[in-house]
PDB file of all heavy atoms in Angstrom:
ATOM      1  N   PRO A   1      55.130  49.069  39.809  1.00  0.00           N
ATOM      2  CA  PRO A   1      54.354  48.563  38.586  1.00  0.00           C
ATOM      3  C   PRO A   1      54.385  49.676  37.477  1.00  0.00           C
ATOM      4  O   PRO A   1      53.855  49.354  36.325  1.00  0.00           O
ATOM      5  CB  PRO A   1      52.982  48.270  39.154  1.00  0.00           C
ATOM      6  CG  PRO A   1      52.947  49.408  40.256  1.00  0.00           C
ATOM      7  CD  PRO A   1      54.280  49.522  40.834  1.00  0.00           C
ATOM      8  N   PHE A   2      54.970  50.856  37.693  1.00  0.00           N
ATOM      9  CA  PHE A   2      54.738  51.859  36.715  1.00  0.00           C
ATOM     10  C   PHE A   2      55.977  52.178  35.976  1.00  0.00           C
ATOM     11  O   PHE A   2      57.098  51.707  36.388  1.00  0.00           O
ATOM     12  CB  PHE A   2      54.321  53.165  37.495  1.00  0.00           C
ATOM     13  CG  PHE A   2      53.030  53.050  38.194  1.00  0.00           C
ATOM     14  CD1 PHE A   2      52.984  53.052  39.593  1.00  0.00           C
ATOM     15  CD2 PHE A   2      51.804  52.849  37.550  1.00  0.00           C
ATOM     16  CE1 PHE A   2      51.846  52.959  40.269  1.00  0.00           C
ATOM     17  CE2 PHE A   2      50.524  52.584  38.285  1.00  0.00           C
ATOM     18  CZ  PHE A   2      50.553  52.710  39.639  1.00  0.00           C
ATOM     19  N   ARG A   3      55.903  52.950  34.889  1.00  0.00           N
ATOM     20  CA  ARG A   3      57.025  53.471  34.156  1.00  0.00           C
ATOM     21  C   ARG A   3      56.879  55.007  34.027  1.00  0.00           C
ATOM     22  O   ARG A   3      55.887  55.529  34.337  1.00  0.00           O
ATOM     23  CB  ARG A   3      57.011  52.726  32.740  1.00  0.00           C
ATOM     24  CG  ARG A   3      57.344  51.314  32.709  1.00  0.00           C
ATOM     25  CD  ARG A   3      57.368  50.793  31.366  1.00  0.00           C
ATOM     26  NE  ARG A   3      58.241  51.408  30.438  1.00  0.00           N
ATOM     27  CZ  ARG A   3      59.610  51.176  30.479  1.00  0.00           C
ATOM     28  NH1 ARG A   3      60.078  50.288  31.323  1.00  0.00           N
ATOM     29  NH2 ARG A   3      60.374  51.657  29.579  1.00  0.00           N
ATOM     30  N   GLY A   4      57.989  55.575  33.616  1.00  0.00           N
ATOM     31  CA  GLY A   4      58.054  57.035  33.411  1.00  0.00           C
ATOM     32  C   GLY A   4      57.930  57.719  34.780  1.00  0.00           C
ATOM     33  O   GLY A   4      58.403  57.299  35.887  1.00  0.00           O
ATOM     34  N   SER A   5      57.323  58.930  34.674  1.00  0.00           N
ATOM     35  CA  SER A   5      57.316  59.716  35.934  1.00  0.00           C
ATOM     36  C   SER A   5      56.536  59.030  37.100  1.00  0.00           C
ATOM     37  O   SER A   5      56.771  59.221  38.138  1.00  0.00           O
ATOM     38  CB  SER A   5      56.677  61.229  35.573  1.00  0.00           C
ATOM     39  OG  SER A   5      55.429  60.964  35.018  1.00  0.00           O
ATOM     40  N   SER A   6      55.413  58.264  36.628  1.00  0.00           N
ATOM     41  CA  SER A   6      54.668  57.562  37.675  1.00  0.00           C
ATOM     42  C   SER A   6      55.594  56.528  38.402  1.00  0.00           C
ATOM     43  O   SER A   6      55.481  56.384  39.680  1.00  0.00           O
ATOM     44  CB  SER A   6      53.459  56.945  37.095  1.00  0.00           C
ATOM     45  OG  SER A   6      52.505  57.859  36.493  1.00  0.00           O
ATOM     46  N   GLY A   7      56.439  55.893  37.687  1.00  0.00           N
ATOM     47  CA  GLY A   7      57.343  54.950  38.290  1.00  0.00           C
ATOM     48  C   GLY A   7      58.283  55.592  39.223  1.00  0.00           C
ATOM     49  O   GLY A   7      58.623  55.185  40.242  1.00  0.00           O
ATOM     50  N   ALA A   8      58.718  56.841  38.723  1.00  0.00           N
ATOM     51  CA  ALA A   8      59.700  57.587  39.609  1.00  0.00           C
ATOM     52  C   ALA A   8      58.966  58.051  40.992  1.00  0.00           C
ATOM     53  O   ALA A   8      59.577  58.008  42.045  1.00  0.00           O
ATOM     54  CB  ALA A   8      60.310  58.725  38.840  1.00  0.00           C
ATOM     55  N   LEU A   9      57.735  58.463  40.808  1.00  0.00           N
ATOM     56  CA  LEU A   9      57.013  58.959  42.015  1.00  0.00           C
ATOM     57  C   LEU A   9      56.762  57.795  43.043  1.00  0.00           C
ATOM     58  O   LEU A   9      56.747  57.989  44.240  1.00  0.00           O
ATOM     59  CB  LEU A   9      55.714  59.665  41.645  1.00  0.00           C
ATOM     60  CG  LEU A   9      55.840  60.926  40.913  1.00  0.00           C
ATOM     61  CD1 LEU A   9      54.460  61.372  40.359  1.00  0.00           C
ATOM     62  CD2 LEU A   9      56.439  62.001  41.850  1.00  0.00           C
ATOM     63  N   TRP A  10      56.490  56.618  42.441  1.00  0.00           N
ATOM     64  CA  TRP A  10      56.330  55.396  43.288  1.00  0.00           C
ATOM     65  C   TRP A  10      57.573  55.142  44.128  1.00  0.00           C
ATOM     66  O   TRP A  10      57.551  54.960  45.323  1.00  0.00           O
ATOM     67  CB  TRP A  10      55.993  54.180  42.352  1.00  0.00           C
ATOM     68  CG  TRP A  10      55.910  52.908  43.162  1.00  0.00           C
ATOM     69  CD1 TRP A  10      56.947  52.188  43.629  1.00  0.00           C
ATOM     70  CD2 TRP A  10      54.698  52.111  43.477  1.00  0.00           C
ATOM     71  NE1 TRP A  10      56.615  51.006  44.174  1.00  0.00           N
ATOM     72  CE2 TRP A  10      55.120  50.956  44.118  1.00  0.00           C
ATOM     73  CE3 TRP A  10      53.339  52.405  43.391  1.00  0.00           C
ATOM     74  CZ2 TRP A  10      54.347  49.976  44.661  1.00  0.00           C
ATOM     75  CZ3 TRP A  10      52.530  51.374  43.897  1.00  0.00           C
ATOM     76  CH2 TRP A  10      52.917  50.297  44.519  1.00  0.00           C
ATOM     77  N   LEU A  11      58.759  55.193  43.397  1.00  0.00           N
ATOM     78  CA  LEU A  11      60.079  54.903  44.058  1.00  0.00           C
ATOM     79  C   LEU A  11      60.367  56.003  45.104  1.00  0.00           C
ATOM     80  O   LEU A  11      60.751  55.687  46.261  1.00  0.00           O
ATOM     81  CB  LEU A  11      61.163  54.943  43.024  1.00  0.00           C
ATOM     82  CG  LEU A  11      61.162  53.796  41.978  1.00  0.00           C
ATOM     83  CD1 LEU A  11      62.241  53.875  40.989  1.00  0.00           C
ATOM     84  CD2 LEU A  11      61.286  52.378  42.715  1.00  0.00           C
ATOM     85  N   ILE A  12      60.163  57.278  44.899  1.00  0.00           N
ATOM     86  CA  ILE A  12      60.288  58.408  45.710  1.00  0.00           C
ATOM     87  C   ILE A  12      59.423  58.176  47.074  1.00  0.00           C
ATOM     88  O   ILE A  12      59.927  58.264  48.135  1.00  0.00           O
ATOM     89  CB  ILE A  12      60.079  59.720  45.192  1.00  0.00           C
ATOM     90  CG1 ILE A  12      61.078  59.983  44.047  1.00  0.00           C
ATOM     91  CG2 ILE A  12      60.095  60.847  46.139  1.00  0.00           C
ATOM     92  CD1 ILE A  12      60.896  61.167  43.087  1.00  0.00           C
ATOM     93  N   ALA A  13      58.168  57.806  46.814  1.00  0.00           N
ATOM     94  CA  ALA A  13      57.269  57.677  47.899  1.00  0.00           C
ATOM     95  C   ALA A  13      57.657  56.512  48.862  1.00  0.00           C
ATOM     96  O   ALA A  13      57.694  56.742  50.108  1.00  0.00           O
ATOM     97  CB  ALA A  13      55.807  57.461  47.368  1.00  0.00           C
ATOM     98  N   PHE A  14      57.966  55.341  48.246  1.00  0.00           N
ATOM     99  CA  PHE A  14      58.310  54.253  49.163  1.00  0.00           C
ATOM    100  C   PHE A  14      59.840  54.397  49.685  1.00  0.00           C
ATOM    101  O   PHE A  14      60.196  53.676  50.645  1.00  0.00           O
ATOM    102  CB  PHE A  14      58.157  52.983  48.365  1.00  0.00           C
ATOM    103  CG  PHE A  14      56.613  52.511  48.477  1.00  0.00           C
ATOM    104  CD1 PHE A  14      55.832  52.772  47.391  1.00  0.00           C
ATOM    105  CD2 PHE A  14      56.139  51.911  49.561  1.00  0.00           C
ATOM    106  CE1 PHE A  14      54.427  52.392  47.476  1.00  0.00           C
ATOM    107  CE2 PHE A  14      54.779  51.551  49.687  1.00  0.00           C
ATOM    108  CZ  PHE A  14      53.976  51.744  48.579  1.00  0.00           C
ATOM    109  N   ARG A  15      60.624  55.118  48.961  1.00  0.00           N
ATOM    110  CA  ARG A  15      61.991  55.488  49.607  1.00  0.00           C
ATOM    111  C   ARG A  15      61.830  56.293  50.868  1.00  0.00           C
ATOM    112  O   ARG A  15      62.507  56.150  51.839  1.00  0.00           O
ATOM    113  CB  ARG A  15      62.857  56.287  48.640  1.00  0.00           C
ATOM    114  CG  ARG A  15      63.506  55.456  47.595  1.00  0.00           C
ATOM    115  CD  ARG A  15      64.794  54.797  48.105  1.00  0.00           C
ATOM    116  NE  ARG A  15      65.844  55.735  48.277  1.00  0.00           N
ATOM    117  CZ  ARG A  15      67.015  55.306  48.852  1.00  0.00           C
ATOM    118  NH1 ARG A  15      67.233  54.112  49.314  1.00  0.00           N
ATOM    119  NH2 ARG A  15      68.035  56.266  48.927  1.00  0.00           N
ATOM    120  N   ILE A  16      60.710  57.167  50.924  1.00  0.00           N
ATOM    121  CA  ILE A  16      60.454  57.975  52.098  1.00  0.00           C
ATOM    122  C   ILE A  16      59.918  56.952  53.268  1.00  0.00           C
ATOM    123  O   ILE A  16      60.364  57.039  54.395  1.00  0.00           O
ATOM    124  CB  ILE A  16      59.351  58.957  51.784  1.00  0.00           C
ATOM    125  CG1 ILE A  16      60.090  60.051  50.915  1.00  0.00           C
ATOM    126  CG2 ILE A  16      58.839  59.613  53.016  1.00  0.00           C
ATOM    127  CD1 ILE A  16      59.121  61.117  50.373  1.00  0.00           C
ATOM    128  N   VAL A  17      59.041  56.007  52.899  1.00  0.00           N
ATOM    129  CA  VAL A  17      58.637  55.075  53.788  1.00  0.00           C
ATOM    130  C   VAL A  17      59.800  54.183  54.358  1.00  0.00           C
ATOM    131  O   VAL A  17      59.974  54.007  55.542  1.00  0.00           O
ATOM    132  CB  VAL A  17      57.517  54.065  53.209  1.00  0.00           C
ATOM    133  CG1 VAL A  17      57.073  53.046  54.277  1.00  0.00           C
ATOM    134  CG2 VAL A  17      56.275  54.936  52.808  1.00  0.00           C
ATOM    135  N   GLN A  18      60.608  53.771  53.338  1.00  0.00           N
ATOM    136  CA  GLN A  18      61.769  53.090  53.839  1.00  0.00           C
ATOM    137  C   GLN A  18      62.677  53.813  54.768  1.00  0.00           C
ATOM    138  O   GLN A  18      63.251  53.336  55.709  1.00  0.00           O
ATOM    139  CB  GLN A  18      62.611  52.769  52.566  1.00  0.00           C
ATOM    140  CG  GLN A  18      63.690  51.727  52.787  1.00  0.00           C
ATOM    141  CD  GLN A  18      64.539  51.519  51.543  1.00  0.00           C
ATOM    142  OE1 GLN A  18      64.927  52.458  50.859  1.00  0.00           O
ATOM    143  NE2 GLN A  18      64.918  50.283  51.119  1.00  0.00           N
ATOM    144  N   ALA A  19      62.791  55.123  54.458  1.00  0.00           N
ATOM    145  CA  ALA A  19      63.554  55.945  55.372  1.00  0.00           C
ATOM    146  C   ALA A  19      63.000  56.073  56.762  1.00  0.00           C
ATOM    147  O   ALA A  19      63.758  56.202  57.773  1.00  0.00           O
ATOM    148  CB  ALA A  19      63.681  57.420  54.724  1.00  0.00           C
ATOM    149  N   LEU A  20      61.650  55.957  56.859  1.00  0.00           N
ATOM    150  CA  LEU A  20      61.005  56.036  58.155  1.00  0.00           C
ATOM    151  C   LEU A  20      61.508  54.775  58.970  1.00  0.00           C
ATOM    152  O   LEU A  20      61.902  54.875  60.149  1.00  0.00           O
ATOM    153  CB  LEU A  20      59.381  55.953  57.912  1.00  0.00           C
ATOM    154  CG  LEU A  20      58.680  55.798  59.266  1.00  0.00           C
ATOM    155  CD1 LEU A  20      58.842  56.965  60.225  1.00  0.00           C
ATOM    156  CD2 LEU A  20      57.151  55.685  58.915  1.00  0.00           C
ATOM    157  N   GLY A  21      61.540  53.648  58.344  1.00  0.00           N
ATOM    158  CA  GLY A  21      61.970  52.416  59.042  1.00  0.00           C
ATOM    159  C   GLY A  21      63.460  52.557  59.329  1.00  0.00           C
ATOM    160  O   GLY A  21      63.868  52.204  60.513  1.00  0.00           O
ATOM    161  N   GLY A  22      64.230  53.088  58.411  1.00  0.00           N
ATOM    162  CA  GLY A  22      65.703  53.400  58.776  1.00  0.00           C
ATOM    163  C   GLY A  22      65.966  54.268  59.895  1.00  0.00           C
ATOM    164  O   GLY A  22      66.842  54.006  60.713  1.00  0.00           O
ATOM    165  N   ALA A  23      65.127  55.286  59.975  1.00  0.00           N
ATOM    166  CA  ALA A  23      65.171  56.296  61.090  1.00  0.00           C
ATOM    167  C   ALA A  23      64.926  55.690  62.493  1.00  0.00           C
ATOM    168  O   ALA A  23      65.586  56.016  63.417  1.00  0.00           O
ATOM    169  CB  ALA A  23      64.334  57.491  60.805  1.00  0.00           C
ATOM    170  N   MET A  24      63.903  54.677  62.473  1.00  0.00           N
ATOM    171  CA  MET A  24      63.639  53.996  63.651  1.00  0.00           C
ATOM    172  C   MET A  24      64.840  53.170  64.169  1.00  0.00           C
ATOM    173  O   MET A  24      65.064  53.049  65.302  1.00  0.00           O
ATOM    174  CB  MET A  24      62.477  53.061  63.434  1.00  0.00           C
ATOM    175  CG  MET A  24      61.082  53.764  63.217  1.00  0.00           C
ATOM    176  SD  MET A  24      59.739  52.544  62.925  1.00  0.00           S
ATOM    177  CE  MET A  24      58.333  53.710  62.764  1.00  0.00           C
ATOM    178  N   LEU A  25      65.566  52.535  63.160  1.00  0.00           N
ATOM    179  CA  LEU A  25      66.783  51.832  63.554  1.00  0.00           C
ATOM    180  C   LEU A  25      67.803  52.688  63.974  1.00  0.00           C
ATOM    181  O   LEU A  25      68.459  52.449  65.043  1.00  0.00           O
ATOM    182  CB  LEU A  25      67.220  50.996  62.298  1.00  0.00           C
ATOM    183  CG  LEU A  25      66.277  49.993  61.742  1.00  0.00           C
ATOM    184  CD1 LEU A  25      66.700  49.379  60.423  1.00  0.00           C
ATOM    185  CD2 LEU A  25      66.135  48.763  62.740  1.00  0.00           C
ATOM    186  N   MET A  26      68.160  53.837  63.123  1.00  0.00           N
ATOM    187  CA  MET A  26      69.252  54.663  63.501  1.00  0.00           C
ATOM    188  C   MET A  26      69.059  55.382  64.932  1.00  0.00           C
ATOM    189  O   MET A  26      69.963  55.575  65.608  1.00  0.00           O
ATOM    190  CB  MET A  26      69.359  55.737  62.496  1.00  0.00           C
ATOM    191  CG  MET A  26      69.902  55.173  61.093  1.00  0.00           C
ATOM    192  SD  MET A  26      69.905  56.549  59.961  1.00  0.00           S
ATOM    193  CE  MET A  26      70.054  55.632  58.354  1.00  0.00           C
ATOM    194  N   ALA A  27      67.865  55.772  65.141  1.00  0.00           N
ATOM    195  CA  ALA A  27      67.431  56.578  66.361  1.00  0.00           C
ATOM    196  C   ALA A  27      67.729  55.798  67.617  1.00  0.00           C
ATOM    197  O   ALA A  27      68.032  56.369  68.660  1.00  0.00           O
ATOM    198  CB  ALA A  27      66.060  57.187  66.297  1.00  0.00           C
ATOM    199  N   ASN A  28      67.552  54.529  67.581  1.00  0.00           N
ATOM    200  CA  ASN A  28      67.475  53.706  68.846  1.00  0.00           C
ATOM    201  C   ASN A  28      68.625  52.722  68.987  1.00  0.00           C
ATOM    202  O   ASN A  28      68.768  52.217  70.178  1.00  0.00           O
ATOM    203  CB  ASN A  28      66.099  52.965  69.004  1.00  0.00           C
ATOM    204  CG  ASN A  28      65.018  53.930  69.138  1.00  0.00           C
ATOM    205  OD1 ASN A  28      64.862  54.442  70.280  1.00  0.00           O
ATOM    206  ND2 ASN A  28      64.208  54.178  68.189  1.00  0.00           N
ATOM    207  N   SER A  29      69.353  52.473  67.930  1.00  0.00           N
ATOM    208  CA  SER A  29      70.449  51.467  68.045  1.00  0.00           C
ATOM    209  C   SER A  29      71.486  51.835  69.110  1.00  0.00           C
ATOM    210  O   SER A  29      71.901  50.914  69.900  1.00  0.00           O
ATOM    211  CB  SER A  29      71.039  51.173  66.653  1.00  0.00           C
ATOM    212  OG  SER A  29      71.675  52.299  66.168  1.00  0.00           O
ATOM    213  N   ALA A  30      72.038  52.998  69.008  1.00  0.00           N
ATOM    214  CA  ALA A  30      72.974  53.469  69.898  1.00  0.00           C
ATOM    215  C   ALA A  30      72.498  53.449  71.386  1.00  0.00           C
ATOM    216  O   ALA A  30      73.310  53.156  72.245  1.00  0.00           O
ATOM    217  CB  ALA A  30      73.529  54.810  69.510  1.00  0.00           C
ATOM    218  N   ALA A  31      71.335  53.824  71.500  1.00  0.00           N
ATOM    219  CA  ALA A  31      70.791  53.887  72.972  1.00  0.00           C
ATOM    220  C   ALA A  31      70.547  52.448  73.481  1.00  0.00           C
ATOM    221  O   ALA A  31      70.835  52.295  74.704  1.00  0.00           O
ATOM    222  CB  ALA A  31      69.367  54.544  72.840  1.00  0.00           C
ATOM    223  N   ILE A  32      70.119  51.484  72.629  1.00  0.00           N
ATOM    224  CA  ILE A  32      70.042  50.116  73.106  1.00  0.00           C
ATOM    225  C   ILE A  32      71.413  49.570  73.469  1.00  0.00           C
ATOM    226  O   ILE A  32      71.583  48.941  74.581  1.00  0.00           O
ATOM    227  CB  ILE A  32      69.404  49.223  71.960  1.00  0.00           C
ATOM    228  CG1 ILE A  32      68.019  49.555  71.792  1.00  0.00           C
ATOM    229  CG2 ILE A  32      69.517  47.813  72.360  1.00  0.00           C
ATOM    230  CD1 ILE A  32      67.278  48.944  70.573  1.00  0.00           C
ATOM    231  N   LEU A  33      72.467  49.803  72.731  1.00  0.00           N
ATOM    232  CA  LEU A  33      73.781  49.415  73.081  1.00  0.00           C
ATOM    233  C   LEU A  33      74.296  50.090  74.391  1.00  0.00           C
ATOM    234  O   LEU A  33      74.995  49.480  75.196  1.00  0.00           O
ATOM    235  CB  LEU A  33      74.749  49.634  71.945  1.00  0.00           C
ATOM    236  CG  LEU A  33      74.605  48.760  70.726  1.00  0.00           C
ATOM    237  CD1 LEU A  33      75.444  49.255  69.515  1.00  0.00           C
ATOM    238  CD2 LEU A  33      74.900  47.347  70.944  1.00  0.00           C
ATOM    239  N   THR A  34      73.995  51.391  74.458  1.00  0.00           N
ATOM    240  CA  THR A  34      74.456  52.120  75.679  1.00  0.00           C
ATOM    241  C   THR A  34      73.809  51.532  76.885  1.00  0.00           C
ATOM    242  O   THR A  34      74.382  51.391  77.987  1.00  0.00           O
ATOM    243  CB  THR A  34      74.050  53.578  75.578  1.00  0.00           C
ATOM    244  OG1 THR A  34      74.711  54.070  74.346  1.00  0.00           O
ATOM    245  CG2 THR A  34      74.605  54.381  76.770  1.00  0.00           C
ATOM    246  N   ASP A  35      72.521  51.150  76.905  1.00  0.00           N
ATOM    247  CA  ASP A  35      71.872  50.450  77.855  1.00  0.00           C
ATOM    248  C   ASP A  35      72.457  49.133  78.258  1.00  0.00           C
ATOM    249  O   ASP A  35      72.606  48.701  79.421  1.00  0.00           O
ATOM    250  CB  ASP A  35      70.342  50.180  77.571  1.00  0.00           C
ATOM    251  CG  ASP A  35      69.552  51.537  77.555  1.00  0.00           C
ATOM    252  OD1 ASP A  35      69.919  52.453  78.161  1.00  0.00           O
ATOM    253  OD2 ASP A  35      68.503  51.551  76.837  1.00  0.00           O
TER     254      ASP A  35
END
């Protein structure tokens, strides 16, 4: 909802949250297939 530096900080913060979800996928996908 923001513009300028506030908008950039919003994007950076939720990119980090998004990366948390991505890390959950990356960390376990190969192990699930190996099982």
